[in-house]
Protein backbone atom coordinates (compact mmCIF):
# COMPACT_ATOMS: atom_id res chain seq x y z
CA MET A 1 0.21 -0.02 -0.17
CA THR A 2 1.55 3.78 -0.83
CA LYS A 3 2.11 5.55 2.19
CA TYR A 4 2.56 9.22 1.81
CA ALA A 5 4.61 10.57 4.89
CA VAL A 6 7.01 13.22 5.21
CA THR A 7 10.17 11.71 7.35
CA ASN A 8 13.19 13.96 7.55
CA PRO A 9 16.09 11.87 6.41
CA ALA A 10 18.74 14.24 8.82
CA THR A 11 16.87 12.63 12.07
CA GLY A 12 14.52 9.37 10.74
CA GLU A 13 11.90 11.68 12.14
CA LEU A 14 8.25 10.70 11.28
CA VAL A 15 6.42 14.39 10.64
CA ALA A 16 3.56 13.88 8.90
CA GLU A 17 1.45 11.10 7.65
CA TYR A 18 -1.26 11.73 4.86
CA PRO A 19 -4.31 9.71 3.98
CA THR A 20 -4.07 8.29 0.21
CA ALA A 21 -6.96 8.77 -2.14
CA THR A 22 -10.09 7.15 -2.42
CA ASP A 23 -11.15 5.54 -5.40
CA GLN A 24 -14.36 7.86 -4.79
CA GLN A 25 -11.33 11.52 -5.18
CA VAL A 26 -9.70 9.76 -7.53
CA GLN A 27 -12.87 10.17 -10.13
CA ASP A 28 -13.90 13.40 -8.39
CA ALA A 29 -10.06 14.51 -9.81
CA LEU A 30 -10.15 13.38 -13.17
CA ALA A 31 -13.60 14.37 -13.75
CA ALA A 32 -12.94 18.16 -12.52
CA THR A 33 -9.77 18.15 -14.52
CA ASP A 34 -11.96 16.73 -17.73
CA LYS A 35 -14.34 19.83 -16.88
CA ALA A 36 -11.76 22.37 -16.31
CA PHE A 37 -9.92 21.23 -20.19
CA SER A 38 -13.25 22.34 -21.89
CA SER A 39 -12.49 26.09 -20.97
CA TRP A 40 -9.30 25.87 -20.33
CA ARG A 41 -8.11 24.62 -23.66
CA THR A 42 -9.38 27.64 -25.44
CA SER A 43 -8.73 30.36 -22.97
CA PRO A 44 -7.07 33.07 -24.83
CA VAL A 45 -3.00 33.05 -24.70
CA GLU A 46 -2.98 36.36 -22.56
CA ASP A 47 -5.04 34.74 -20.18
CA ARG A 48 -2.18 31.63 -19.67
CA VAL A 49 0.99 33.92 -19.97
CA ARG A 50 -0.11 36.00 -17.04
CA VAL A 51 -1.93 32.71 -15.03
CA LEU A 52 2.54 31.44 -15.62
CA ASN A 53 4.04 34.51 -14.41
CA ARG A 54 1.72 34.51 -11.52
CA VAL A 55 3.08 31.20 -10.51
CA ALA A 56 6.39 32.48 -11.34
CA ASP A 57 5.54 35.50 -8.75
CA LEU A 58 5.05 33.42 -6.07
CA TYR A 59 7.16 31.07 -5.75
CA GLN A 60 9.42 33.85 -5.57
CA ASP A 61 7.44 35.29 -3.03
CA ARG A 62 7.74 32.09 -0.60
CA ARG A 63 10.96 30.85 -1.59
CA ASP A 64 12.25 30.60 1.63
CA GLN A 65 9.16 28.73 2.94
CA LEU A 66 9.04 26.13 -0.63
CA ALA A 67 13.23 25.52 0.40
CA ALA A 68 12.42 24.72 4.46
CA ILE A 69 9.51 22.09 3.25
CA ILE A 70 11.46 20.05 0.89
CA THR A 71 14.81 20.13 2.92
CA ARG A 72 12.44 18.99 5.75
CA GLU A 73 10.92 16.01 3.21
CA MET A 74 14.23 15.35 1.46
CA GLY A 75 17.68 15.95 2.74
CA LYS A 76 18.56 18.86 0.18
CA PRO A 77 20.98 21.48 1.70
CA ILE A 78 18.84 25.10 1.84
CA PHE A 79 20.97 26.54 -0.24
CA GLN A 80 20.16 24.16 -3.31
CA ALA A 81 16.76 23.89 -2.18
CA GLN A 82 16.25 28.01 -2.75
CA ILE A 83 18.51 27.57 -6.33
CA GLU A 84 16.16 24.76 -7.46
CA VAL A 85 13.02 27.34 -6.57
CA ASP A 86 15.25 30.08 -8.71
CA ILE A 87 15.38 27.54 -11.28
CA VAL A 88 11.25 26.69 -11.42
CA VAL A 89 10.73 30.73 -11.20
CA SER A 90 12.60 30.70 -14.92
CA ILE A 91 11.47 28.18 -16.15
CA TYR A 92 7.33 29.63 -15.80
CA ARG A 93 8.88 32.92 -16.94
CA TYR A 94 10.14 30.92 -19.69
CA TYR A 95 7.04 29.54 -21.23
CA ALA A 96 5.06 32.60 -20.50
CA ALA A 97 7.11 34.74 -22.35
CA ASN A 98 8.18 32.33 -25.27
CA GLY A 99 4.89 30.18 -24.93
CA PRO A 100 2.68 32.09 -26.86
CA ALA A 101 5.54 32.32 -30.25
CA PHE A 102 5.34 28.23 -29.82
CA LEU A 103 1.81 28.07 -29.80
CA GLN A 104 2.13 30.05 -33.35
CA ASP A 105 0.34 28.14 -36.39
CA GLU A 106 2.73 27.20 -39.21
CA GLU A 107 2.04 27.81 -42.58
CA LEU A 108 2.82 25.01 -45.06
CA ASP A 109 3.79 25.35 -48.58
CA VAL A 110 1.03 23.39 -50.81
CA GLU A 111 1.85 22.35 -54.38
CA GLY A 112 -1.92 21.76 -55.42
CA GLY A 113 -3.17 24.70 -54.62
CA GLY A 114 -4.84 26.33 -51.63
CA THR A 115 -3.67 27.01 -47.87
CA ALA A 116 -2.76 24.82 -45.26
CA VAL A 117 -1.85 25.33 -41.85
CA VAL A 118 -0.79 23.47 -38.78
CA ARG A 119 -2.82 24.29 -35.60
CA LYS A 120 -1.02 23.09 -32.49
CA GLU A 121 -3.84 22.29 -29.38
CA GLY A 122 -4.05 21.16 -26.31
CA LEU A 123 -4.47 17.34 -25.86
CA GLY A 124 -6.82 17.16 -22.64
CA THR A 125 -5.69 15.79 -18.93
CA LEU A 126 -1.90 14.90 -18.37
CA LEU A 127 -0.72 12.51 -16.03
CA GLY A 128 2.61 13.46 -14.04
CA ILE A 129 4.02 10.91 -12.05
CA MET A 130 6.77 12.84 -10.23
CA PRO A 131 9.81 12.08 -8.29
CA TRP A 132 11.18 13.30 -4.64
CA ASN A 133 14.80 14.61 -5.73
CA PHE A 134 13.87 17.37 -7.72
CA PRO A 135 10.21 17.64 -5.86
CA TYR A 136 9.26 21.71 -7.66
CA TYR A 137 11.68 21.47 -10.90
CA GLN A 138 10.25 18.52 -12.14
CA VAL A 139 7.44 19.23 -11.56
CA ALA A 140 7.81 22.70 -13.15
CA ARG A 141 8.92 21.48 -16.33
CA PHE A 142 6.22 18.66 -17.01
CA ALA A 143 3.29 21.68 -15.55
CA ALA A 144 4.49 24.76 -17.02
CA PRO A 145 4.54 24.31 -20.87
CA ASN A 146 1.49 21.96 -20.74
CA LEU A 147 -0.65 24.87 -19.59
CA MET A 148 0.69 27.09 -21.60
CA ASN A 149 -0.62 24.26 -24.59
CA GLY A 150 -4.57 24.64 -22.92
CA ASN A 151 -4.26 20.71 -20.83
CA THR A 152 -4.78 20.53 -17.64
CA ILE A 153 -2.97 18.38 -14.80
CA LEU A 154 -3.36 15.43 -12.88
CA LEU A 155 -0.44 15.37 -9.98
CA LYS A 156 0.99 12.42 -8.29
CA HIS A 157 4.16 12.83 -6.58
CA ALA A 158 6.62 10.90 -5.23
CA PRO A 159 4.47 9.32 -1.79
CA GLN A 160 7.80 11.44 0.28
CA CYS A 161 6.66 14.86 -0.87
CA PRO A 162 3.34 15.08 0.09
CA GLU A 163 3.83 18.58 1.89
CA SER A 164 5.72 19.93 -1.34
CA ALA A 165 2.88 18.72 -3.47
CA LEU A 166 0.20 20.46 -1.41
CA ALA A 167 2.02 23.75 -1.29
CA MET A 168 2.21 23.62 -4.99
CA GLU A 169 -1.42 22.73 -5.46
CA GLU A 170 -2.65 25.74 -2.79
CA LEU A 171 0.19 28.14 -5.23
CA PHE A 172 -1.38 27.08 -8.25
CA THR A 173 -5.04 28.17 -7.27
CA ASP A 174 -3.79 31.18 -5.02
CA ALA A 175 -2.11 32.32 -8.64
CA GLY A 176 -5.80 31.93 -10.63
CA VAL A 177 -5.07 28.55 -11.80
CA PRO A 178 -8.75 27.80 -12.97
CA GLU A 179 -10.61 25.37 -10.75
CA GLY A 180 -9.51 21.65 -12.42
CA ALA A 181 -6.26 22.96 -14.12
CA TYR A 182 -4.10 21.55 -11.46
CA VAL A 183 -5.17 18.91 -9.48
CA ASN A 184 -2.92 17.05 -6.82
CA ILE A 185 -4.11 13.54 -6.28
CA PHE A 186 -2.24 11.06 -3.08
CA ALA A 187 -2.99 7.83 -5.54
CA THR A 188 -1.86 4.51 -4.89
CA ASN A 189 0.30 2.32 -8.04
CA GLU A 190 -3.21 0.58 -8.51
CA GLN A 191 -4.84 3.57 -8.59
CA VAL A 192 -2.46 4.80 -11.20
CA ALA A 193 -3.26 2.37 -13.53
CA ASP A 194 -6.77 3.22 -13.73
CA ILE A 195 -6.09 7.08 -14.04
CA ILE A 196 -3.96 5.94 -17.45
CA ALA A 197 -6.84 3.35 -18.63
CA ASP A 198 -9.46 6.40 -18.14
CA THR A 199 -10.43 7.89 -21.45
CA ARG A 200 -10.48 11.09 -19.73
CA VAL A 201 -6.98 10.60 -19.56
CA ALA A 202 -4.60 11.68 -22.95
CA GLY A 203 -1.27 11.17 -22.27
CA VAL A 204 1.63 10.57 -18.84
CA SER A 205 4.87 11.83 -17.94
CA LEU A 206 6.74 10.39 -15.82
CA THR A 207 9.77 11.26 -14.46
CA GLY A 208 11.51 8.14 -12.51
CA SER A 209 13.06 5.03 -12.04
CA GLU A 210 13.66 2.52 -15.53
CA ARG A 211 10.75 -0.26 -13.49
CA ALA A 212 8.95 2.36 -13.04
CA GLY A 213 9.18 3.89 -16.28
CA SER A 214 8.72 0.69 -17.60
CA ALA A 215 5.17 -0.54 -15.56
CA VAL A 216 4.00 2.98 -16.52
CA ALA A 217 4.87 2.49 -20.80
CA ALA A 218 2.93 -0.81 -20.32
CA VAL A 219 0.04 0.82 -19.42
CA ALA A 220 0.09 3.42 -21.31
CA GLY A 221 0.52 1.54 -24.40
CA ARG A 222 -2.06 -1.11 -23.89
CA HIS A 223 -4.56 2.21 -24.05
CA LEU A 224 -2.68 3.97 -26.58
CA LYS A 225 -1.66 6.69 -24.74
CA LYS A 226 1.48 9.30 -25.21
CA VAL A 227 4.19 9.08 -22.66
CA VAL A 228 7.35 10.86 -22.01
CA LEU A 229 9.51 9.32 -19.86
CA GLU A 230 12.58 10.93 -18.25
CA LEU A 231 13.90 8.11 -16.70
CA GLY A 232 17.30 6.48 -15.29
CA GLY A 233 21.38 7.52 -16.13
CA SER A 234 24.66 6.19 -16.09
CA ASP A 235 26.05 9.62 -17.59
CA PRO A 236 30.04 10.60 -18.26
CA PHE A 237 32.41 12.81 -17.74
CA LEU A 238 35.12 12.66 -19.58
CA VAL A 239 38.26 14.09 -19.61
CA LEU A 240 40.63 14.11 -22.25
CA ASP A 241 45.01 15.13 -21.61
CA SER A 242 43.90 18.75 -23.38
CA ALA A 243 41.62 19.56 -20.23
CA ASP A 244 42.18 22.38 -17.74
CA VAL A 245 42.33 19.68 -14.81
CA ASP A 246 41.75 22.27 -12.01
CA ARG A 247 38.88 23.19 -14.01
CA ALA A 248 37.33 19.28 -14.11
CA VAL A 249 37.93 18.65 -10.72
CA THR A 250 35.81 21.43 -9.66
CA GLN A 251 33.06 21.03 -12.21
CA ALA A 252 33.19 16.63 -11.36
CA MET A 253 32.82 17.86 -7.84
CA PHE A 254 29.55 19.86 -8.76
CA GLY A 255 28.40 17.30 -11.09
CA ARG A 256 28.49 14.26 -9.04
CA PHE A 257 27.77 15.02 -5.17
CA GLY A 258 25.38 17.96 -5.78
CA ASN A 259 21.83 16.87 -4.25
CA ALA A 260 24.28 13.86 -2.49
CA GLY A 261 24.58 12.52 -6.40
CA GLN A 262 20.65 11.90 -6.58
CA ALA A 263 20.21 13.23 -10.12
CA CYS A 264 19.43 11.35 -13.44
CA ASN A 265 22.26 13.39 -15.26
CA ALA A 266 24.91 13.53 -12.03
CA ALA A 267 28.24 12.93 -13.15
CA LYS A 268 28.06 8.91 -12.63
CA ARG A 269 31.30 7.67 -14.54
CA ILE A 270 34.47 9.92 -14.53
CA ILE A 271 36.40 9.05 -17.52
CA LEU A 272 40.44 9.74 -17.33
CA THR A 273 42.83 9.60 -20.88
CA GLU A 274 46.44 9.27 -19.83
CA GLY A 275 48.03 12.45 -19.43
CA VAL A 276 45.14 13.55 -16.69
CA GLN A 277 44.87 10.62 -14.53
CA ASP A 278 47.80 11.09 -12.18
CA GLU A 279 46.87 15.22 -11.27
CA PHE A 280 43.07 13.92 -11.52
CA VAL A 281 42.68 11.70 -9.17
CA ALA A 282 45.05 12.85 -6.51
CA LYS A 283 43.51 16.20 -6.55
CA PHE A 284 39.74 14.62 -7.10
CA THR A 285 40.60 12.64 -3.65
CA ALA A 286 41.57 15.39 -1.56
CA ALA A 287 38.31 17.52 -2.84
CA VAL A 288 35.87 14.90 -1.93
CA ALA A 289 37.80 13.34 1.03
CA GLY A 290 37.14 16.96 2.18
CA ILE A 291 33.49 17.06 2.01
CA THR A 292 31.78 16.71 5.44
CA PRO A 293 27.83 16.01 5.20
CA ASP A 294 25.78 17.54 7.78
CA ASP A 295 22.96 19.84 9.03
CA PRO A 296 21.10 20.17 5.47
CA THR A 297 19.15 23.51 6.90
CA LYS A 298 22.39 25.24 7.88
CA ALA A 299 23.25 28.04 5.03
CA ASP A 300 27.06 26.66 4.38
CA THR A 301 26.23 22.44 4.09
CA PHE A 302 27.21 21.19 0.84
CA MET A 303 26.00 17.61 1.34
CA GLY A 304 23.50 16.98 3.29
CA PRO A 305 21.80 13.14 4.02
CA LEU A 306 20.54 11.60 1.21
CA SER A 307 16.57 10.88 0.61
CA SER A 308 15.78 7.45 2.81
CA PRO A 309 17.43 4.56 4.51
CA ALA A 310 15.96 2.94 1.56
CA ALA A 311 18.06 4.97 -0.62
CA VAL A 312 21.15 4.56 1.42
CA GLU A 313 20.89 0.63 0.86
CA GLY A 314 20.53 0.83 -2.24
CA VAL A 315 23.64 2.77 -2.65
CA ALA A 316 25.66 0.48 0.38
CA ALA A 317 24.58 -2.73 -2.07
CA LEU A 318 26.42 -1.23 -4.76
CA VAL A 319 29.22 0.04 -3.35
CA ASP A 320 29.50 -2.89 -1.11
CA ASP A 321 29.10 -5.40 -3.81
CA ALA A 322 31.97 -3.76 -6.01
CA VAL A 323 34.49 -4.02 -2.92
CA ALA A 324 33.78 -7.43 -2.87
CA LYS A 325 34.82 -8.14 -6.17
CA GLY A 326 37.93 -6.89 -6.08
CA ALA A 327 37.16 -3.05 -6.92
CA THR A 328 38.95 -0.18 -4.59
CA VAL A 329 37.61 2.80 -2.69
CA LEU A 330 40.13 5.38 -2.07
CA THR A 331 37.90 8.06 -0.03
CA GLY A 332 34.09 7.08 2.01
CA GLY A 333 32.79 3.73 0.99
CA SER A 334 30.43 3.30 3.85
CA ARG A 335 27.47 4.43 6.37
CA LEU A 336 27.87 6.66 8.87
CA GLU A 337 26.43 5.99 12.07
CA ARG A 338 23.80 8.25 12.61
CA PRO A 339 19.94 8.47 13.16
CA GLY A 340 18.63 9.26 9.34
CA ALA A 341 20.03 8.42 6.14
CA TRP A 342 23.33 8.77 5.69
CA TYR A 343 26.24 8.14 3.81
CA GLN A 344 29.99 8.97 3.41
CA PRO A 345 31.11 11.33 -0.32
CA THR A 346 32.94 7.91 -1.86
CA ILE A 347 35.13 7.42 -4.89
CA LEU A 348 35.90 3.85 -6.60
CA THR A 349 38.07 2.28 -8.46
CA GLY A 350 39.01 -1.10 -10.69
CA VAL A 351 35.29 -1.25 -11.12
CA THR A 352 34.88 -3.89 -14.25
CA GLU A 353 31.84 -5.53 -15.67
CA GLY A 354 31.41 -7.85 -13.51
CA MET A 355 30.33 -5.68 -11.17
CA ARG A 356 26.85 -4.17 -10.54
CA ALA A 357 27.82 -0.73 -10.19
CA TYR A 358 29.35 -0.46 -13.86
CA SER A 359 25.85 -1.28 -15.27
CA GLU A 360 23.73 -0.35 -12.65
CA GLU A 361 22.28 3.25 -11.71
CA LEU A 362 24.39 4.31 -8.36
CA PHE A 363 21.76 7.26 -7.43
CA GLY A 364 24.04 8.27 -4.25
CA PRO A 365 27.41 10.05 -3.66
CA VAL A 366 29.67 7.57 -5.54
CA ALA A 367 31.39 8.35 -8.12
CA VAL A 368 33.52 5.55 -10.11
CA LEU A 369 36.31 6.51 -11.71
CA TYR A 370 37.63 4.47 -15.45
CA LYS A 371 41.60 5.09 -16.82
CA VAL A 372 41.62 4.66 -20.93
CA SER A 373 44.68 4.87 -22.52
CA SER A 374 43.05 7.11 -25.42
CA GLU A 375 40.35 9.33 -26.46
CA ALA A 376 38.55 5.99 -28.74
CA ASP A 377 38.82 4.28 -25.54
CA ALA A 378 36.94 6.77 -23.56
CA VAL A 379 34.53 7.01 -26.53
CA ALA A 380 33.63 3.16 -26.32
CA LEU A 381 33.64 3.29 -22.19
CA ALA A 382 31.50 5.94 -22.33
CA ASN A 383 28.62 4.09 -24.64
CA ASN A 384 28.99 0.83 -22.83
CA SER A 385 26.22 1.54 -21.15
CA ALA A 386 22.69 1.09 -21.16
CA TYR A 387 21.86 4.57 -20.29
CA GLY A 388 22.06 7.65 -23.01
CA LEU A 389 20.52 10.13 -21.13
CA GLY A 390 23.96 13.34 -20.92
CA ALA A 391 27.73 13.66 -21.18
CA VAL A 392 30.61 16.13 -20.60
CA VAL A 393 33.55 16.25 -22.34
CA GLN A 394 36.32 18.53 -20.64
CA SER A 395 38.90 19.97 -23.75
CA ASP A 396 40.19 22.95 -24.38
CA ASP A 397 40.64 22.47 -27.60
CA ILE A 398 36.88 22.80 -28.45
CA ALA A 399 36.84 21.13 -32.30
CA ARG A 400 37.70 18.49 -30.53
CA ALA A 401 35.67 18.19 -28.07
CA HIS A 402 32.98 19.11 -30.60
CA GLN A 403 33.90 16.21 -32.45
CA ILE A 404 34.17 13.74 -29.27
CA ALA A 405 30.53 15.21 -28.79
CA ALA A 406 29.37 13.53 -31.77
CA GLN A 407 30.16 10.17 -31.08
CA LEU A 408 28.42 9.63 -28.22
CA ASP A 409 25.04 8.17 -27.25
CA CYS A 410 23.06 10.24 -24.94
CA GLY A 411 20.54 13.32 -25.32
CA MET A 412 22.44 15.66 -24.20
CA VAL A 413 26.49 16.93 -23.75
CA TYR A 414 28.23 19.88 -22.15
CA ILE A 415 31.64 20.94 -22.99
CA ASN A 416 33.50 22.14 -20.16
CA GLU A 417 30.46 22.56 -17.66
CA ALA A 418 29.28 20.70 -14.85
CA PRO A 419 25.89 18.93 -15.58
CA GLY A 420 23.06 20.76 -15.48
CA THR A 421 19.70 22.68 -16.22
CA ALA A 422 18.17 25.67 -18.26
CA ALA A 423 14.64 26.37 -18.96
CA GLU A 424 15.36 27.12 -22.86
CA LEU A 425 17.83 23.66 -22.95
CA PRO A 426 16.10 20.33 -23.89
CA PHE A 427 16.47 17.73 -21.58
CA GLY A 428 15.74 14.34 -22.30
CA GLY A 429 18.06 10.53 -23.13
CA ILE A 430 18.00 7.71 -25.43
CA LYS A 431 18.20 3.52 -24.68
CA ARG A 432 17.47 3.29 -21.58
CA SER A 433 17.10 6.43 -20.23
CA GLY A 434 13.72 7.56 -21.40
CA VAL A 435 11.72 9.33 -24.22
CA GLY A 436 11.28 12.49 -25.64
CA ARG A 437 11.89 15.84 -24.44
CA GLU A 438 11.16 19.33 -21.79
CA LEU A 439 12.34 21.87 -21.45
CA GLY A 440 12.82 24.34 -24.22
CA LYS A 441 10.68 25.28 -27.02
CA TYR A 442 10.10 20.84 -27.64
CA GLY A 443 8.92 20.48 -24.19
CA MET A 444 5.73 21.99 -26.00
CA GLU A 445 5.71 19.42 -28.15
CA GLU A 446 5.30 16.55 -26.58
CA PHE A 447 1.45 16.99 -25.79
CA VAL A 448 -0.28 18.64 -28.51
CA ASN A 449 -2.75 17.57 -31.19
CA ARG A 450 -1.08 19.58 -34.84
CA LYS A 451 -3.92 19.53 -36.41
CA LEU A 452 -4.01 20.78 -39.89
CA VAL A 453 -6.43 22.50 -41.51
CA LYS A 454 -6.30 22.52 -45.03
CA THR A 455 -8.27 25.03 -47.44
CA CYS A 456 -9.17 24.55 -50.31
CA LYS A 457 -9.92 27.87 -53.14
């Protein structure tokens, strides 16, 4: 049975519990979003712009309150939680500013005479299934473009994020989102399957695990529903001989250990060519060893707890398996003995294909270092993964970095930057990292009806 509760991962304290939805409440939510779609779909674009800007205003006004909620729910250090809210503000502002242009009719050249345009219209109610690691950001990149499209939102958040889920629903109401256009629902997994099957639901967007994505896609496929899936990643971080090692170390630190390493696009596999190996390993190991996990409510804490004891167990199992099979721990490698969900910042070397850490996603504060003899070997290792979300290439030879980027099997490549996100940049991957794109203009194009209107003169 799904349990919605806030358990502070820094202390292990159960803060609050929330009841799951009844079947009648699910039906009421579906009826409300369906009814709202009938008017929201034809609302003036100017009204949608006004609403999204007001949503952004309220996120900005409530920044500290909202940040404190997710620090309590999932352990994100408070300054990182505040940055997350800032990113959310930028996303709603971006779609308010650019959404009208993205919705413009597209005129087509017609060889046989007459005119033809493609109109972009909302599809209906969309189910969003959101994760705990970025409680506001993940919702924003789904909700903002689709509210602009004229779709309505039924939001099922992670069971450990009920407080932030309710805070967002209240914020949308206060911003003037029409009744039923954004509805939060504390649904069970069984109810989710029924919601996807319901004829009033036009599509589903999930950010989460590969297992969850497969389950949702299977149900959606049976009912011919459009899906967007943003799943796991095991992103490579390539440091080439021509790289600035100090810059690479700094960016690898933030790219791997921000949010305690709990990000799908974190730099999980750091691949080093021969000329930089010794210097990078020494400097990176010293930097990681200097991270002290601490109280996430303190302004200067860089890394707090993991999200839950279950998250710690998952990370520990992969590290322990690797060590038992011959991998080496350069720093960290074990739990911290204190109440809550704590694990040491860790570096592994000597990870090989027989170890779980080689092929499975390490969703926590563990970096795996690989040494290769050439750029060709670096690319081959980077692509030897079931995942294909993002990648980083570190090199001062920009032309060469672009050549390497072209060879990487993934959806996003950052050159001389830590992996990141921005409202205008499309986010998504290939292979088992999912299907579809969010953010940028592409985030407006997933759940729309591209309606052809042909006129014969």
